[in-house]
Amino acid sequence: SLYQRIGLQEGDVIKRINSVDVSSPEKAFQVLSELKDEKVVTVDLVRGSQPRTLRYEVR
């Protein structure tokens, strides 16, 4: 799936996308739609009990 290809796993809780707080799936989709011109996207999440940051270069 797309989520697996970008490194997300089942159970991951996304907290921020490019430093913007994401409090709901709707907010996440809104933020993602606003990132179409960005070259780099960072996703701050919690996996298990560990905070992580994933970084993606958009081509």
N, C-alpha and C. Protein backbone atom coordinates (compact mmCIF):
# COMPACT_ATOMS: atom_id res chain seq x y z
N SER A 1 0.83 -1.19 0.00
CA SER A 1 0.00 0.00 0.00
C SER A 1 0.88 1.25 0.00
N LEU A 2 0.27 2.38 -0.27
CA LEU A 2 1.00 3.65 -0.26
C LEU A 2 1.62 3.90 1.10
N TYR A 3 0.88 3.63 2.16
CA TYR A 3 1.38 3.90 3.51
C TYR A 3 2.63 3.08 3.80
N GLN A 4 2.65 1.82 3.39
CA GLN A 4 3.82 0.98 3.59
C GLN A 4 5.00 1.49 2.78
N ARG A 5 4.74 1.93 1.55
CA ARG A 5 5.82 2.43 0.70
C ARG A 5 6.47 3.68 1.28
N ILE A 6 5.71 4.48 2.00
CA ILE A 6 6.32 5.69 2.57
C ILE A 6 6.79 5.48 4.01
N GLY A 7 6.71 4.25 4.50
CA GLY A 7 7.29 3.93 5.79
C GLY A 7 6.34 3.92 6.97
N LEU A 8 5.05 4.15 6.74
CA LEU A 8 4.09 4.11 7.84
C LEU A 8 3.70 2.66 8.13
N GLN A 9 3.44 2.40 9.39
CA GLN A 9 3.04 1.06 9.80
C GLN A 9 1.70 1.13 10.52
N GLU A 10 1.00 0.00 10.53
CA GLU A 10 -0.27 -0.07 11.26
C GLU A 10 -0.02 0.30 12.71
N GLY A 11 -0.86 1.15 13.25
CA GLY A 11 -0.72 1.58 14.64
C GLY A 11 0.05 2.88 14.82
N ASP A 12 0.73 3.36 13.77
CA ASP A 12 1.42 4.64 13.87
C ASP A 12 0.41 5.75 14.13
N VAL A 13 0.77 6.68 15.00
CA VAL A 13 -0.09 7.82 15.30
C VAL A 13 0.63 9.07 14.82
N ILE A 14 0.11 9.68 13.76
CA ILE A 14 0.73 10.88 13.19
C ILE A 14 0.38 12.08 14.06
N LYS A 15 1.42 12.82 14.46
CA LYS A 15 1.23 13.99 15.32
C LYS A 15 1.37 15.29 14.54
N ARG A 16 2.38 15.37 13.65
CA ARG A 16 2.64 16.59 12.89
C ARG A 16 3.11 16.24 11.49
N ILE A 17 2.74 17.09 10.54
CA ILE A 17 3.25 17.01 9.17
C ILE A 17 3.85 18.37 8.87
N ASN A 18 5.17 18.38 8.57
CA ASN A 18 5.90 19.64 8.36
C ASN A 18 5.60 20.64 9.48
N SER A 19 5.70 20.16 10.71
CA SER A 19 5.54 20.97 11.93
C SER A 19 4.13 21.49 12.17
N VAL A 20 3.14 21.03 11.40
CA VAL A 20 1.75 21.43 11.61
C VAL A 20 1.05 20.31 12.38
N ASP A 21 0.46 20.67 13.53
CA ASP A 21 -0.25 19.66 14.32
C ASP A 21 -1.40 19.06 13.53
N VAL A 22 -1.50 17.74 13.63
CA VAL A 22 -2.55 17.00 12.92
C VAL A 22 -3.38 16.28 13.98
N SER A 23 -4.58 16.80 14.23
CA SER A 23 -5.39 16.27 15.32
C SER A 23 -6.47 15.29 14.85
N SER A 24 -6.63 15.15 13.52
CA SER A 24 -7.65 14.24 13.00
C SER A 24 -7.26 13.82 11.59
N PRO A 25 -7.83 12.73 11.08
CA PRO A 25 -7.54 12.34 9.70
C PRO A 25 -7.90 13.44 8.70
N GLU A 26 -8.98 14.16 8.97
CA GLU A 26 -9.37 15.24 8.07
C GLU A 26 -8.30 16.32 8.01
N LYS A 27 -7.75 16.67 9.18
CA LYS A 27 -6.69 17.68 9.23
C LYS A 27 -5.44 17.18 8.50
N ALA A 28 -5.14 15.89 8.63
CA ALA A 28 -3.98 15.32 7.93
C ALA A 28 -4.15 15.45 6.42
N PHE A 29 -5.33 15.11 5.91
CA PHE A 29 -5.57 15.23 4.47
C PHE A 29 -5.50 16.68 4.02
N GLN A 30 -6.00 17.60 4.85
CA GLN A 30 -5.93 19.03 4.51
C GLN A 30 -4.48 19.48 4.42
N VAL A 31 -3.68 19.11 5.41
CA VAL A 31 -2.26 19.51 5.42
C VAL A 31 -1.55 18.89 4.22
N LEU A 32 -1.79 17.62 3.95
CA LEU A 32 -1.13 16.96 2.82
C LEU A 32 -1.49 17.61 1.50
N SER A 33 -2.73 18.03 1.35
CA SER A 33 -3.14 18.66 0.09
C SER A 33 -2.46 20.02 -0.09
N GLU A 34 -2.06 20.65 1.00
CA GLU A 34 -1.38 21.94 0.93
C GLU A 34 0.12 21.80 0.68
N LEU A 35 0.64 20.58 0.69
CA LEU A 35 2.08 20.36 0.56
C LEU A 35 2.51 20.03 -0.86
N LYS A 36 1.63 20.18 -1.83
CA LYS A 36 1.92 19.70 -3.18
C LYS A 36 3.15 20.34 -3.81
N ASP A 37 3.55 21.53 -3.37
CA ASP A 37 4.73 22.19 -3.94
C ASP A 37 5.98 22.02 -3.09
N GLU A 38 5.87 21.31 -1.98
CA GLU A 38 7.02 21.11 -1.10
C GLU A 38 7.99 20.09 -1.69
N LYS A 39 9.26 20.28 -1.43
CA LYS A 39 10.29 19.34 -1.88
C LYS A 39 10.59 18.29 -0.81
N VAL A 40 10.40 18.66 0.46
CA VAL A 40 10.66 17.75 1.57
C VAL A 40 9.46 17.78 2.51
N VAL A 41 9.04 16.60 2.93
CA VAL A 41 7.93 16.48 3.88
C VAL A 41 8.44 15.69 5.08
N THR A 42 8.19 16.21 6.29
CA THR A 42 8.53 15.47 7.50
C THR A 42 7.24 15.09 8.22
N VAL A 43 7.25 13.88 8.76
CA VAL A 43 6.09 13.38 9.50
C VAL A 43 6.58 12.97 10.88
N ASP A 44 6.06 13.64 11.91
CA ASP A 44 6.34 13.28 13.30
C ASP A 44 5.24 12.35 13.76
N LEU A 45 5.62 11.20 14.31
CA LEU A 45 4.63 10.21 14.72
C LEU A 45 5.09 9.49 15.96
N VAL A 46 4.18 8.70 16.50
CA VAL A 46 4.49 7.82 17.62
C VAL A 46 4.25 6.40 17.13
N ARG A 47 5.29 5.58 17.28
CA ARG A 47 5.21 4.16 16.91
C ARG A 47 5.45 3.36 18.18
N GLY A 48 4.43 2.62 18.60
CA GLY A 48 4.51 1.98 19.92
C GLY A 48 4.45 3.11 20.93
N SER A 49 5.50 3.25 21.72
CA SER A 49 5.57 4.39 22.64
C SER A 49 6.72 5.32 22.28
N GLN A 50 7.33 5.07 21.11
CA GLN A 50 8.51 5.83 20.71
C GLN A 50 8.19 6.91 19.68
N PRO A 51 8.58 8.16 19.97
CA PRO A 51 8.41 9.20 18.95
C PRO A 51 9.41 8.99 17.81
N ARG A 52 8.98 9.25 16.59
CA ARG A 52 9.85 9.11 15.42
C ARG A 52 9.55 10.24 14.45
N THR A 53 10.53 10.55 13.63
CA THR A 53 10.34 11.51 12.55
C THR A 53 10.74 10.83 11.25
N LEU A 54 9.83 10.83 10.28
CA LEU A 54 10.12 10.30 8.95
C LEU A 54 10.27 11.49 8.01
N ARG A 55 11.25 11.42 7.12
CA ARG A 55 11.51 12.51 6.19
C ARG A 55 11.44 11.97 4.78
N TYR A 56 10.73 12.68 3.92
CA TYR A 56 10.55 12.25 2.54
C TYR A 56 10.95 13.36 1.60
N GLU A 57 11.66 12.99 0.55
CA GLU A 57 11.94 13.93 -0.52
C GLU A 57 10.93 13.68 -1.62
N VAL A 58 10.22 14.73 -2.02
CA VAL A 58 9.17 14.62 -3.02
C VAL A 58 9.78 14.87 -4.38
N ARG A 59 9.50 13.96 -5.32
CA ARG A 59 10.07 14.10 -6.67
C ARG A 59 9.01 14.51 -7.64
